[in-house]
N, C-alpha and C. Protein backbone atom coordinates (compact mmCIF):
# COMPACT_ATOMS: atom_id res chain seq x y z
N MET A 1 -16.84 -1.13 17.38
CA MET A 1 -15.70 -0.27 17.70
C MET A 1 -15.90 1.09 17.04
N GLU A 2 -15.93 2.15 17.86
CA GLU A 2 -16.08 3.50 17.33
C GLU A 2 -14.70 4.11 17.13
N THR A 3 -14.42 4.50 15.90
CA THR A 3 -13.11 5.06 15.58
C THR A 3 -13.26 6.52 15.23
N ARG A 4 -12.45 7.36 15.85
CA ARG A 4 -12.45 8.78 15.57
C ARG A 4 -11.13 9.18 14.94
N ALA A 5 -11.19 10.19 14.09
CA ALA A 5 -9.98 10.68 13.44
C ALA A 5 -9.07 11.33 14.47
N ALA A 6 -7.78 11.02 14.37
CA ALA A 6 -6.77 11.60 15.26
C ALA A 6 -5.70 12.27 14.41
N PRO A 7 -5.25 13.46 14.78
CA PRO A 7 -4.22 14.14 13.98
C PRO A 7 -2.91 13.36 14.01
N SER A 8 -2.08 13.62 13.02
CA SER A 8 -0.84 12.85 12.85
C SER A 8 0.27 13.40 13.73
N THR A 9 0.03 13.45 15.04
CA THR A 9 1.05 13.89 15.99
C THR A 9 2.00 12.73 16.30
N PRO A 10 3.21 13.02 16.77
CA PRO A 10 4.13 11.93 17.13
C PRO A 10 3.52 10.95 18.12
N ALA A 11 2.81 11.44 19.12
CA ALA A 11 2.22 10.55 20.12
C ALA A 11 1.16 9.65 19.50
N ASN A 12 0.36 10.19 18.59
CA ASN A 12 -0.68 9.38 17.96
C ASN A 12 -0.08 8.32 17.03
N LEU A 13 1.04 8.63 16.40
CA LEU A 13 1.69 7.63 15.55
C LEU A 13 2.29 6.50 16.40
N VAL A 14 2.82 6.83 17.56
CA VAL A 14 3.31 5.80 18.48
C VAL A 14 2.15 4.91 18.91
N ALA A 15 1.02 5.52 19.24
CA ALA A 15 -0.16 4.74 19.65
C ALA A 15 -0.66 3.87 18.51
N CYS A 16 -0.63 4.40 17.29
CA CYS A 16 -1.06 3.63 16.12
C CYS A 16 -0.18 2.41 15.92
N ALA A 17 1.13 2.59 16.02
CA ALA A 17 2.05 1.46 15.87
C ALA A 17 1.81 0.41 16.95
N ALA A 18 1.46 0.85 18.16
CA ALA A 18 1.18 -0.09 19.24
C ALA A 18 -0.08 -0.90 18.94
N HIS A 19 -1.10 -0.25 18.40
CA HIS A 19 -2.31 -0.98 17.99
C HIS A 19 -1.97 -2.04 16.95
N LEU A 20 -1.17 -1.67 15.96
CA LEU A 20 -0.80 -2.61 14.90
C LEU A 20 0.00 -3.77 15.47
N ALA A 21 0.93 -3.49 16.37
CA ALA A 21 1.74 -4.55 16.97
C ALA A 21 0.88 -5.51 17.79
N ALA A 22 -0.27 -5.02 18.26
CA ALA A 22 -1.18 -5.86 19.04
C ALA A 22 -2.18 -6.61 18.16
N GLY A 23 -2.02 -6.50 16.83
CA GLY A 23 -2.87 -7.26 15.92
C GLY A 23 -4.13 -6.54 15.49
N ARG A 24 -4.19 -5.23 15.71
CA ARG A 24 -5.37 -4.47 15.31
C ARG A 24 -5.13 -3.78 13.96
N LEU A 25 -6.21 -3.28 13.38
CA LEU A 25 -6.15 -2.56 12.11
C LEU A 25 -6.14 -1.06 12.35
N ALA A 26 -5.63 -0.33 11.35
CA ALA A 26 -5.60 1.13 11.43
C ALA A 26 -5.87 1.73 10.06
N ILE A 27 -6.32 2.96 10.06
CA ILE A 27 -6.47 3.75 8.84
C ILE A 27 -5.33 4.75 8.80
N LEU A 28 -4.60 4.76 7.68
CA LEU A 28 -3.47 5.68 7.52
C LEU A 28 -3.58 6.43 6.21
N PRO A 29 -3.09 7.67 6.17
CA PRO A 29 -3.04 8.41 4.91
C PRO A 29 -1.80 8.03 4.12
N THR A 30 -1.95 7.85 2.83
CA THR A 30 -0.79 7.77 1.94
C THR A 30 -0.83 8.99 1.03
N ASP A 31 0.03 9.03 0.05
CA ASP A 31 0.01 10.15 -0.89
C ASP A 31 -1.10 10.00 -1.92
N THR A 32 -1.66 8.80 -2.05
CA THR A 32 -2.67 8.56 -3.08
C THR A 32 -4.08 8.57 -2.49
N VAL A 33 -4.40 7.55 -1.67
CA VAL A 33 -5.69 7.49 -0.97
C VAL A 33 -5.43 7.00 0.45
N TYR A 34 -6.46 7.05 1.28
CA TYR A 34 -6.33 6.49 2.64
C TYR A 34 -6.36 4.97 2.57
N GLY A 35 -5.52 4.34 3.40
CA GLY A 35 -5.42 2.89 3.39
C GLY A 35 -5.84 2.27 4.71
N ILE A 36 -6.27 1.03 4.65
CA ILE A 36 -6.49 0.22 5.85
C ILE A 36 -5.30 -0.73 5.96
N VAL A 37 -4.64 -0.75 7.12
CA VAL A 37 -3.35 -1.42 7.23
C VAL A 37 -3.30 -2.35 8.44
N ALA A 38 -2.38 -3.32 8.35
CA ALA A 38 -2.11 -4.27 9.42
C ALA A 38 -0.63 -4.60 9.41
N ASP A 39 -0.14 -5.13 10.51
CA ASP A 39 1.21 -5.68 10.57
C ASP A 39 1.27 -6.86 9.59
N ALA A 40 2.13 -6.76 8.59
CA ALA A 40 2.17 -7.79 7.54
C ALA A 40 2.57 -9.16 8.08
N SER A 41 3.20 -9.21 9.24
CA SER A 41 3.62 -10.49 9.81
C SER A 41 2.53 -11.16 10.65
N ASP A 42 1.41 -10.48 10.85
CA ASP A 42 0.32 -11.00 11.68
C ASP A 42 -0.78 -11.55 10.78
N GLU A 43 -0.82 -12.87 10.65
CA GLU A 43 -1.76 -13.50 9.71
C GLU A 43 -3.21 -13.14 10.01
N ARG A 44 -3.58 -13.18 11.29
CA ARG A 44 -4.97 -12.88 11.64
C ARG A 44 -5.32 -11.44 11.29
N ALA A 45 -4.42 -10.51 11.57
CA ALA A 45 -4.68 -9.11 11.28
C ALA A 45 -4.79 -8.87 9.78
N VAL A 46 -3.92 -9.52 9.01
CA VAL A 46 -3.98 -9.37 7.55
C VAL A 46 -5.32 -9.87 7.02
N ARG A 47 -5.77 -11.01 7.51
CA ARG A 47 -7.05 -11.54 7.05
C ARG A 47 -8.21 -10.64 7.47
N ALA A 48 -8.03 -9.91 8.56
CA ALA A 48 -9.07 -8.99 9.01
C ALA A 48 -9.26 -7.84 8.03
N ILE A 49 -8.23 -7.50 7.26
CA ILE A 49 -8.39 -6.48 6.22
C ILE A 49 -9.42 -6.93 5.19
N TYR A 50 -9.32 -8.18 4.76
CA TYR A 50 -10.29 -8.70 3.80
C TYR A 50 -11.70 -8.66 4.38
N ASP A 51 -11.84 -9.02 5.64
CA ASP A 51 -13.16 -9.00 6.28
C ASP A 51 -13.70 -7.57 6.35
N ALA A 52 -12.84 -6.62 6.70
CA ALA A 52 -13.27 -5.23 6.81
C ALA A 52 -13.76 -4.69 5.48
N LYS A 53 -13.13 -5.11 4.40
CA LYS A 53 -13.50 -4.64 3.07
C LYS A 53 -14.66 -5.43 2.46
N GLY A 54 -15.00 -6.58 3.09
CA GLY A 54 -16.02 -7.43 2.49
C GLY A 54 -15.53 -8.03 1.19
N LYS A 55 -14.28 -8.47 1.20
CA LYS A 55 -13.61 -8.91 -0.02
C LYS A 55 -12.99 -10.28 0.20
N GLY A 56 -13.03 -11.14 -0.82
CA GLY A 56 -12.39 -12.44 -0.73
C GLY A 56 -10.89 -12.32 -0.61
N SER A 57 -10.27 -13.34 -0.02
CA SER A 57 -8.83 -13.29 0.26
C SER A 57 -7.98 -13.84 -0.88
N GLU A 58 -8.57 -13.96 -2.08
CA GLU A 58 -7.79 -14.49 -3.20
C GLU A 58 -6.94 -13.41 -3.87
N ALA A 59 -7.22 -12.15 -3.60
CA ALA A 59 -6.45 -11.06 -4.21
C ALA A 59 -5.37 -10.60 -3.23
N PRO A 60 -4.12 -10.51 -3.67
CA PRO A 60 -3.05 -10.09 -2.76
C PRO A 60 -3.20 -8.64 -2.33
N LEU A 61 -2.62 -8.32 -1.19
CA LEU A 61 -2.57 -6.95 -0.68
C LEU A 61 -1.20 -6.35 -0.97
N GLN A 62 -1.12 -5.03 -0.89
CA GLN A 62 0.16 -4.35 -1.02
C GLN A 62 0.95 -4.46 0.28
N LEU A 63 2.26 -4.31 0.18
CA LEU A 63 3.10 -4.11 1.35
C LEU A 63 3.66 -2.70 1.29
N LEU A 64 3.49 -1.95 2.37
CA LEU A 64 4.01 -0.59 2.46
C LEU A 64 5.32 -0.58 3.24
N PHE A 65 6.31 0.09 2.67
CA PHE A 65 7.63 0.20 3.29
C PHE A 65 7.99 1.66 3.49
N GLY A 66 8.96 1.90 4.36
CA GLY A 66 9.60 3.19 4.43
C GLY A 66 10.72 3.26 3.40
N PRO A 67 11.51 4.33 3.43
CA PRO A 67 12.55 4.50 2.40
C PRO A 67 13.76 3.59 2.55
N SER A 68 13.85 2.81 3.63
CA SER A 68 15.01 1.94 3.84
C SER A 68 15.02 0.76 2.88
N ARG A 69 16.03 0.68 2.04
CA ARG A 69 16.13 -0.43 1.10
C ARG A 69 16.52 -1.73 1.81
N HIS A 70 17.19 -1.62 2.94
CA HIS A 70 17.58 -2.84 3.66
C HIS A 70 16.35 -3.67 4.01
N GLN A 71 15.32 -3.01 4.51
CA GLN A 71 14.10 -3.73 4.87
C GLN A 71 13.39 -4.26 3.63
N LEU A 72 13.27 -3.45 2.60
CA LEU A 72 12.60 -3.87 1.38
C LEU A 72 13.26 -5.10 0.77
N ASP A 73 14.58 -5.12 0.75
CA ASP A 73 15.30 -6.22 0.10
C ASP A 73 15.15 -7.55 0.84
N ARG A 74 14.68 -7.52 2.07
CA ARG A 74 14.41 -8.76 2.80
C ARG A 74 13.15 -9.45 2.28
N TYR A 75 12.26 -8.69 1.65
CA TYR A 75 10.96 -9.22 1.25
C TYR A 75 10.79 -9.31 -0.26
N ALA A 76 11.43 -8.45 -1.01
CA ALA A 76 11.18 -8.34 -2.45
C ALA A 76 12.48 -8.47 -3.23
N ALA A 77 12.43 -9.27 -4.31
CA ALA A 77 13.59 -9.44 -5.19
C ALA A 77 13.40 -8.52 -6.39
N LEU A 78 13.98 -7.34 -6.32
CA LEU A 78 13.76 -6.34 -7.36
C LEU A 78 14.47 -6.73 -8.65
N THR A 79 13.74 -6.68 -9.74
CA THR A 79 14.30 -6.91 -11.07
C THR A 79 14.97 -5.62 -11.55
N PRO A 80 15.80 -5.69 -12.60
CA PRO A 80 16.39 -4.46 -13.13
C PRO A 80 15.35 -3.42 -13.53
N VAL A 81 14.24 -3.87 -14.10
CA VAL A 81 13.17 -2.93 -14.48
C VAL A 81 12.60 -2.25 -13.24
N ALA A 82 12.36 -3.03 -12.20
CA ALA A 82 11.84 -2.46 -10.96
C ALA A 82 12.83 -1.48 -10.34
N GLU A 83 14.11 -1.83 -10.38
CA GLU A 83 15.15 -0.94 -9.85
C GLU A 83 15.13 0.40 -10.58
N ALA A 84 15.00 0.35 -11.90
CA ALA A 84 14.98 1.58 -12.69
C ALA A 84 13.79 2.46 -12.31
N LEU A 85 12.64 1.84 -12.09
CA LEU A 85 11.44 2.60 -11.73
C LEU A 85 11.57 3.22 -10.34
N VAL A 86 12.05 2.45 -9.38
CA VAL A 86 12.21 2.96 -8.02
C VAL A 86 13.19 4.12 -8.00
N GLU A 87 14.29 3.97 -8.74
CA GLU A 87 15.31 5.02 -8.79
C GLU A 87 14.75 6.30 -9.41
N ALA A 88 13.99 6.16 -10.49
CA ALA A 88 13.49 7.33 -11.20
C ALA A 88 12.31 8.00 -10.49
N LEU A 89 11.44 7.20 -9.91
CA LEU A 89 10.21 7.74 -9.34
C LEU A 89 10.36 8.19 -7.90
N GLY A 90 11.24 7.54 -7.14
CA GLY A 90 11.33 7.84 -5.72
C GLY A 90 10.03 7.49 -5.01
N PRO A 91 9.91 7.80 -3.72
CA PRO A 91 8.66 7.53 -3.02
C PRO A 91 7.50 8.24 -3.70
N GLY A 92 6.40 7.52 -3.91
CA GLY A 92 5.29 8.15 -4.63
C GLY A 92 4.15 7.20 -4.92
N GLY A 93 3.35 7.58 -5.90
CA GLY A 93 2.08 6.91 -6.17
C GLY A 93 2.17 5.71 -7.08
N TRP A 94 2.99 4.77 -6.72
CA TRP A 94 3.14 3.55 -7.53
C TRP A 94 3.13 2.32 -6.63
N THR A 95 2.76 1.21 -7.21
CA THR A 95 2.92 -0.12 -6.62
C THR A 95 3.63 -0.98 -7.65
N ILE A 96 4.73 -1.60 -7.27
CA ILE A 96 5.51 -2.40 -8.21
C ILE A 96 5.46 -3.86 -7.76
N ILE A 97 5.16 -4.74 -8.70
CA ILE A 97 5.07 -6.17 -8.43
C ILE A 97 6.35 -6.86 -8.89
N VAL A 98 6.97 -7.59 -7.98
CA VAL A 98 8.21 -8.33 -8.27
C VAL A 98 8.13 -9.69 -7.58
N PRO A 99 9.06 -10.60 -7.89
CA PRO A 99 9.08 -11.87 -7.14
C PRO A 99 9.32 -11.63 -5.65
N ALA A 100 8.61 -12.38 -4.82
CA ALA A 100 8.84 -12.31 -3.37
C ALA A 100 10.08 -13.11 -3.02
N ARG A 101 10.83 -12.63 -2.05
CA ARG A 101 11.96 -13.39 -1.54
C ARG A 101 11.47 -14.69 -0.89
N THR A 102 12.27 -15.71 -0.97
CA THR A 102 11.93 -16.95 -0.27
C THR A 102 12.26 -16.78 1.22
N GLY A 103 11.67 -17.62 2.04
CA GLY A 103 11.99 -17.59 3.46
C GLY A 103 11.03 -16.79 4.31
N TRP A 104 10.01 -16.21 3.71
CA TRP A 104 8.98 -15.53 4.50
C TRP A 104 7.65 -15.75 3.81
N SER A 105 6.60 -15.60 4.56
CA SER A 105 5.26 -15.74 3.98
C SER A 105 4.32 -14.79 4.69
N SER A 106 3.23 -14.47 4.05
CA SER A 106 2.21 -13.60 4.63
C SER A 106 0.91 -13.86 3.92
N ALA A 107 -0.18 -13.76 4.65
CA ALA A 107 -1.50 -13.87 4.03
C ALA A 107 -1.69 -12.78 2.99
N ALA A 108 -0.90 -11.71 3.06
CA ALA A 108 -1.00 -10.63 2.08
C ALA A 108 -0.64 -11.09 0.67
N LEU A 109 0.13 -12.16 0.55
CA LEU A 109 0.51 -12.67 -0.77
C LEU A 109 -0.59 -13.51 -1.40
N ALA A 110 -1.61 -13.86 -0.63
CA ALA A 110 -2.73 -14.67 -1.12
C ALA A 110 -2.25 -15.96 -1.78
N GLY A 111 -1.20 -16.55 -1.23
CA GLY A 111 -0.70 -17.81 -1.74
C GLY A 111 0.18 -17.71 -2.96
N GLY A 112 0.46 -16.50 -3.43
CA GLY A 112 1.27 -16.31 -4.63
C GLY A 112 2.75 -16.22 -4.33
N THR A 113 3.53 -16.02 -5.38
CA THR A 113 4.99 -15.94 -5.25
C THR A 113 5.53 -14.56 -5.61
N THR A 114 4.63 -13.61 -5.79
CA THR A 114 5.05 -12.23 -6.08
C THR A 114 4.53 -11.32 -4.97
N VAL A 115 5.14 -10.13 -4.89
CA VAL A 115 4.72 -9.16 -3.89
C VAL A 115 4.61 -7.79 -4.56
N GLY A 116 3.53 -7.09 -4.26
CA GLY A 116 3.36 -5.72 -4.72
C GLY A 116 3.77 -4.78 -3.60
N PHE A 117 4.83 -4.01 -3.81
CA PHE A 117 5.33 -3.14 -2.74
C PHE A 117 5.17 -1.67 -3.11
N ARG A 118 5.02 -0.87 -2.07
CA ARG A 118 4.92 0.58 -2.21
C ARG A 118 5.88 1.25 -1.24
N ILE A 119 6.45 2.34 -1.68
CA ILE A 119 7.14 3.28 -0.79
C ILE A 119 6.41 4.61 -0.98
N PRO A 120 5.35 4.84 -0.22
CA PRO A 120 4.56 6.05 -0.46
C PRO A 120 5.34 7.32 -0.12
N GLY A 121 4.98 8.39 -0.79
CA GLY A 121 5.52 9.70 -0.42
C GLY A 121 4.71 10.25 0.74
N ALA A 122 4.73 9.55 1.87
CA ALA A 122 3.89 9.88 3.02
C ALA A 122 4.69 9.66 4.29
N PRO A 123 5.19 10.73 4.92
CA PRO A 123 5.99 10.57 6.13
C PRO A 123 5.27 9.82 7.25
N VAL A 124 3.94 9.93 7.31
CA VAL A 124 3.18 9.21 8.34
C VAL A 124 3.42 7.71 8.20
N VAL A 125 3.34 7.20 6.98
CA VAL A 125 3.57 5.77 6.75
C VAL A 125 5.01 5.40 7.11
N HIS A 126 5.96 6.21 6.68
CA HIS A 126 7.36 5.93 6.97
C HIS A 126 7.59 5.79 8.48
N ARG A 127 6.99 6.70 9.25
CA ARG A 127 7.20 6.68 10.70
C ARG A 127 6.55 5.46 11.34
N VAL A 128 5.35 5.11 10.92
CA VAL A 128 4.68 3.95 11.51
C VAL A 128 5.43 2.67 11.17
N VAL A 129 5.92 2.55 9.94
CA VAL A 129 6.72 1.38 9.56
C VAL A 129 7.98 1.30 10.43
N GLU A 130 8.62 2.45 10.64
CA GLU A 130 9.82 2.49 11.49
C GLU A 130 9.50 2.05 12.92
N LEU A 131 8.41 2.55 13.47
CA LEU A 131 8.03 2.21 14.84
C LEU A 131 7.67 0.73 14.97
N LEU A 132 6.97 0.20 13.96
CA LEU A 132 6.55 -1.20 13.99
C LEU A 132 7.72 -2.14 13.75
N GLY A 133 8.69 -1.68 12.94
CA GLY A 133 9.85 -2.51 12.65
C GLY A 133 9.66 -3.47 11.50
N GLY A 134 8.63 -3.25 10.69
CA GLY A 134 8.36 -4.12 9.55
C GLY A 134 7.30 -3.51 8.66
N PRO A 135 7.08 -4.10 7.49
CA PRO A 135 6.13 -3.52 6.53
C PRO A 135 4.68 -3.67 6.96
N LEU A 136 3.84 -2.88 6.33
CA LEU A 136 2.41 -2.93 6.56
C LEU A 136 1.72 -3.61 5.39
N ALA A 137 0.82 -4.53 5.67
CA ALA A 137 -0.10 -5.02 4.63
C ALA A 137 -1.18 -3.97 4.48
N ALA A 138 -1.56 -3.66 3.25
CA ALA A 138 -2.45 -2.52 3.04
C ALA A 138 -3.36 -2.71 1.84
N SER A 139 -4.49 -2.04 1.92
CA SER A 139 -5.41 -1.90 0.79
C SER A 139 -6.09 -0.55 0.96
N SER A 140 -6.75 -0.08 -0.07
CA SER A 140 -7.50 1.17 0.07
C SER A 140 -8.60 0.98 1.12
N ALA A 141 -8.86 2.03 1.90
CA ALA A 141 -9.75 1.92 3.06
C ALA A 141 -11.21 2.10 2.65
N ASN A 142 -11.66 1.19 1.79
CA ASN A 142 -13.04 1.24 1.33
C ASN A 142 -13.64 -0.16 1.35
N ARG A 143 -14.95 -0.22 1.43
CA ARG A 143 -15.63 -1.48 1.22
C ARG A 143 -15.43 -1.91 -0.23
N HIS A 144 -15.41 -3.22 -0.46
CA HIS A 144 -15.19 -3.74 -1.80
C HIS A 144 -16.20 -3.14 -2.77
N GLY A 145 -15.70 -2.53 -3.84
CA GLY A 145 -16.56 -1.90 -4.83
C GLY A 145 -16.88 -0.45 -4.53
N GLY A 146 -16.53 0.03 -3.34
CA GLY A 146 -16.79 1.42 -2.98
C GLY A 146 -15.68 2.34 -3.46
N PRO A 147 -15.89 3.65 -3.38
CA PRO A 147 -14.87 4.60 -3.84
C PRO A 147 -13.66 4.62 -2.91
N SER A 148 -12.49 4.78 -3.48
CA SER A 148 -11.28 4.90 -2.67
C SER A 148 -11.30 6.24 -1.95
N PRO A 149 -11.13 6.26 -0.63
CA PRO A 149 -11.29 7.49 0.14
C PRO A 149 -10.07 8.40 0.06
N THR A 150 -10.32 9.68 -0.11
CA THR A 150 -9.24 10.67 -0.15
C THR A 150 -9.20 11.51 1.12
N THR A 151 -10.13 11.27 2.05
CA THR A 151 -10.10 11.92 3.36
C THR A 151 -10.27 10.86 4.44
N CYS A 152 -9.85 11.21 5.65
CA CYS A 152 -9.96 10.28 6.76
C CYS A 152 -11.42 9.98 7.08
N GLU A 153 -12.26 11.00 7.03
CA GLU A 153 -13.68 10.79 7.35
C GLU A 153 -14.33 9.82 6.37
N GLU A 154 -13.98 9.92 5.09
CA GLU A 154 -14.52 8.98 4.10
C GLU A 154 -14.08 7.56 4.44
N ALA A 155 -12.83 7.40 4.84
CA ALA A 155 -12.32 6.07 5.19
C ALA A 155 -13.03 5.52 6.42
N ILE A 156 -13.20 6.35 7.44
CA ILE A 156 -13.90 5.91 8.65
C ILE A 156 -15.32 5.50 8.32
N GLY A 157 -15.96 6.24 7.42
CA GLY A 157 -17.33 5.91 7.05
C GLY A 157 -17.48 4.55 6.40
N GLN A 158 -16.41 4.06 5.78
CA GLN A 158 -16.48 2.77 5.08
C GLN A 158 -15.95 1.61 5.92
N VAL A 159 -14.83 1.80 6.61
CA VAL A 159 -14.21 0.67 7.33
C VAL A 159 -13.84 0.99 8.77
N GLY A 160 -14.24 2.15 9.25
CA GLY A 160 -13.82 2.59 10.58
C GLY A 160 -14.21 1.66 11.71
N GLU A 161 -15.35 0.99 11.59
CA GLU A 161 -15.80 0.12 12.68
C GLU A 161 -14.86 -1.06 12.91
N HIS A 162 -14.02 -1.35 11.94
CA HIS A 162 -13.09 -2.48 12.05
C HIS A 162 -11.70 -2.06 12.54
N CYS A 163 -11.49 -0.75 12.72
CA CYS A 163 -10.14 -0.23 12.97
C CYS A 163 -10.01 0.35 14.38
N ALA A 164 -8.83 0.17 14.96
CA ALA A 164 -8.57 0.67 16.31
C ALA A 164 -8.22 2.14 16.32
N CYS A 165 -7.71 2.66 15.20
CA CYS A 165 -7.36 4.07 15.14
C CYS A 165 -7.38 4.53 13.69
N ALA A 166 -7.46 5.84 13.53
CA ALA A 166 -7.47 6.45 12.19
C ALA A 166 -6.67 7.74 12.27
N ILE A 167 -5.60 7.82 11.52
CA ILE A 167 -4.74 8.99 11.52
C ILE A 167 -5.15 9.93 10.38
N ASP A 168 -5.41 11.17 10.75
CA ASP A 168 -5.91 12.17 9.79
C ASP A 168 -4.80 13.16 9.47
N ALA A 169 -4.37 13.17 8.21
CA ALA A 169 -3.38 14.14 7.75
C ALA A 169 -3.96 15.03 6.66
N GLY A 170 -5.29 15.16 6.64
CA GLY A 170 -5.93 15.98 5.62
C GLY A 170 -6.14 15.21 4.33
N PRO A 171 -6.71 15.86 3.32
CA PRO A 171 -6.95 15.19 2.03
C PRO A 171 -5.64 14.71 1.41
N THR A 172 -5.69 13.58 0.74
CA THR A 172 -4.48 13.04 0.11
C THR A 172 -4.05 13.91 -1.06
N ARG A 173 -2.76 13.91 -1.33
CA ARG A 173 -2.20 14.78 -2.35
C ARG A 173 -2.62 14.40 -3.76
N GLU A 174 -2.56 13.12 -4.08
CA GLU A 174 -2.85 12.67 -5.44
C GLU A 174 -4.35 12.50 -5.69
N GLY A 175 -5.06 11.91 -4.74
CA GLY A 175 -6.49 11.70 -4.92
C GLY A 175 -6.84 10.61 -5.89
N LEU A 176 -5.86 9.81 -6.27
CA LEU A 176 -6.07 8.67 -7.17
C LEU A 176 -5.34 7.46 -6.60
N ASP A 177 -5.85 6.27 -6.90
CA ASP A 177 -5.14 5.05 -6.51
C ASP A 177 -3.75 5.02 -7.16
N SER A 178 -2.86 4.24 -6.57
CA SER A 178 -1.51 4.12 -7.13
C SER A 178 -1.54 3.42 -8.48
N THR A 179 -0.54 3.70 -9.27
CA THR A 179 -0.34 2.99 -10.53
C THR A 179 0.38 1.67 -10.23
N VAL A 180 -0.21 0.57 -10.66
CA VAL A 180 0.33 -0.76 -10.38
C VAL A 180 1.10 -1.25 -11.60
N ILE A 181 2.39 -1.52 -11.42
CA ILE A 181 3.26 -1.92 -12.52
C ILE A 181 3.79 -3.32 -12.24
N ASP A 182 3.49 -4.25 -13.11
CA ASP A 182 3.92 -5.64 -12.96
C ASP A 182 5.29 -5.81 -13.61
N CYS A 183 6.30 -6.02 -12.77
CA CYS A 183 7.68 -6.22 -13.25
C CYS A 183 8.16 -7.63 -13.00
N ALA A 184 7.24 -8.55 -12.73
CA ALA A 184 7.63 -9.92 -12.39
C ALA A 184 7.75 -10.82 -13.62
N GLY A 185 7.19 -10.40 -14.74
CA GLY A 185 7.20 -11.23 -15.94
C GLY A 185 8.28 -10.81 -16.92
N ASP A 186 8.17 -11.32 -18.14
CA ASP A 186 9.17 -11.03 -19.17
C ASP A 186 9.10 -9.58 -19.64
N GLU A 187 7.89 -9.03 -19.70
CA GLU A 187 7.69 -7.66 -20.15
C GLU A 187 6.91 -6.88 -19.10
N PRO A 188 7.35 -5.66 -18.78
CA PRO A 188 6.58 -4.88 -17.80
C PRO A 188 5.23 -4.48 -18.39
N ARG A 189 4.23 -4.36 -17.52
CA ARG A 189 2.92 -3.90 -17.95
C ARG A 189 2.25 -3.18 -16.79
N VAL A 190 1.36 -2.29 -17.14
CA VAL A 190 0.62 -1.52 -16.14
C VAL A 190 -0.72 -2.21 -15.90
N LEU A 191 -0.90 -2.74 -14.70
CA LEU A 191 -2.16 -3.40 -14.37
C LEU A 191 -3.25 -2.39 -14.05
N ARG A 192 -2.85 -1.25 -13.46
CA ARG A 192 -3.80 -0.17 -13.17
C ARG A 192 -3.07 1.16 -13.33
N GLU A 193 -3.56 1.99 -14.22
CA GLU A 193 -2.99 3.33 -14.39
C GLU A 193 -3.70 4.27 -13.43
N GLY A 194 -2.93 4.85 -12.51
CA GLY A 194 -3.51 5.72 -11.52
C GLY A 194 -2.74 7.02 -11.40
N ALA A 195 -2.12 7.23 -10.23
CA ALA A 195 -1.47 8.50 -9.95
C ALA A 195 -0.34 8.83 -10.92
N ILE A 196 0.34 7.83 -11.43
CA ILE A 196 1.42 8.04 -12.40
C ILE A 196 0.95 7.54 -13.77
N ASP A 197 1.04 8.40 -14.77
CA ASP A 197 0.48 8.04 -16.07
C ASP A 197 1.39 7.08 -16.84
N ARG A 198 0.80 6.41 -17.80
CA ARG A 198 1.51 5.38 -18.57
C ARG A 198 2.69 5.95 -19.35
N LEU A 199 2.58 7.18 -19.81
CA LEU A 199 3.67 7.77 -20.59
C LEU A 199 4.92 7.95 -19.74
N THR A 200 4.73 8.31 -18.48
CA THR A 200 5.86 8.45 -17.57
C THR A 200 6.56 7.11 -17.36
N VAL A 201 5.77 6.07 -17.14
CA VAL A 201 6.34 4.73 -16.94
C VAL A 201 7.10 4.29 -18.18
N ALA A 202 6.49 4.46 -19.35
CA ALA A 202 7.14 4.04 -20.59
C ALA A 202 8.44 4.82 -20.82
N ARG A 203 8.40 6.12 -20.54
CA ARG A 203 9.59 6.95 -20.76
C ARG A 203 10.75 6.49 -19.88
N ILE A 204 10.48 6.21 -18.61
CA ILE A 204 11.53 5.77 -17.70
C ILE A 204 12.17 4.48 -18.20
N LEU A 205 11.35 3.60 -18.76
CA LEU A 205 11.85 2.29 -19.21
C LEU A 205 12.35 2.31 -20.65
N GLY A 206 12.32 3.47 -21.29
CA GLY A 206 12.81 3.57 -22.66
C GLY A 206 11.92 2.88 -23.67
N LEU A 207 10.63 2.83 -23.39
CA LEU A 207 9.67 2.17 -24.27
C LEU A 207 8.81 3.19 -24.99
N GLU A 208 8.41 2.86 -26.22
CA GLU A 208 7.48 3.73 -26.93
C GLU A 208 6.07 3.59 -26.37
N THR A 209 5.69 2.37 -26.04
CA THR A 209 4.38 2.11 -25.46
C THR A 209 4.51 1.03 -24.39
N ILE A 210 3.50 0.93 -23.55
CA ILE A 210 3.46 -0.12 -22.54
C ILE A 210 2.02 -0.61 -22.41
N THR A 211 1.85 -1.89 -22.22
CA THR A 211 0.52 -2.47 -22.08
C THR A 211 -0.15 -1.95 -20.81
N VAL A 212 -1.40 -1.51 -20.94
CA VAL A 212 -2.19 -1.02 -19.81
C VAL A 212 -3.48 -1.81 -19.76
N LEU A 213 -3.74 -2.49 -18.63
CA LEU A 213 -4.95 -3.31 -18.52
C LEU A 213 -6.17 -2.50 -18.14
N ARG A 214 -6.00 -1.50 -17.27
CA ARG A 214 -7.13 -0.62 -16.95
C ARG A 214 -6.62 0.69 -16.39
N SER A 215 -7.47 1.70 -16.40
CA SER A 215 -7.08 3.03 -15.93
C SER A 215 -8.16 3.59 -15.01
N VAL A 216 -7.72 4.27 -13.95
CA VAL A 216 -8.66 4.99 -13.08
C VAL A 216 -8.42 6.49 -13.17
N ARG A 217 -7.64 6.90 -14.16
CA ARG A 217 -7.40 8.32 -14.35
C ARG A 217 -8.63 8.97 -14.99
N PRO A 218 -8.90 10.24 -14.63
CA PRO A 218 -10.07 10.91 -15.23
C PRO A 218 -9.86 11.19 -16.70
């Protein structure tokens, strides 16, 4: 499958959502890096993300949402800590892990009981989620172990052959992977420090320090 970059016009976003609804994969820009996405409710499509990346399916994928809390609350049980972070940060370069709501399942959870959700500061994602009518399962659009792409061409070069379309909105604003914050346990911790630094997270939560497992910041 030859995939070419397409500008983020309204017509192209409608076509992208149609591809996703048909069980195909797409490349989309977020505010952090370009992602490879699927309809989160389509088990085969979600598993195809792992195949495209050359990655085992034991690691969960993110779910991307638009700004509507009604939709998010159907899938994720936000803790008070998570609520505080979402309120303070707004749409942006974070992924927050919380308990998943009961009553739904997705291969994106990799058999677990928690969900990592994002509300990117990316209108392209918001519109595609709105058109699809549900969240996107997502990962960075790179082969496993490869660099996270900050341009559409970089993403196509790594996973384009597996995708039906690629939306190009120019270089990503942050240029770093999202900061992953685990709010599902007794104490919040940063699993990956990325676009949002640890001091910002700690300050929002009223903490002097916060545990950080790894950092991709320069």
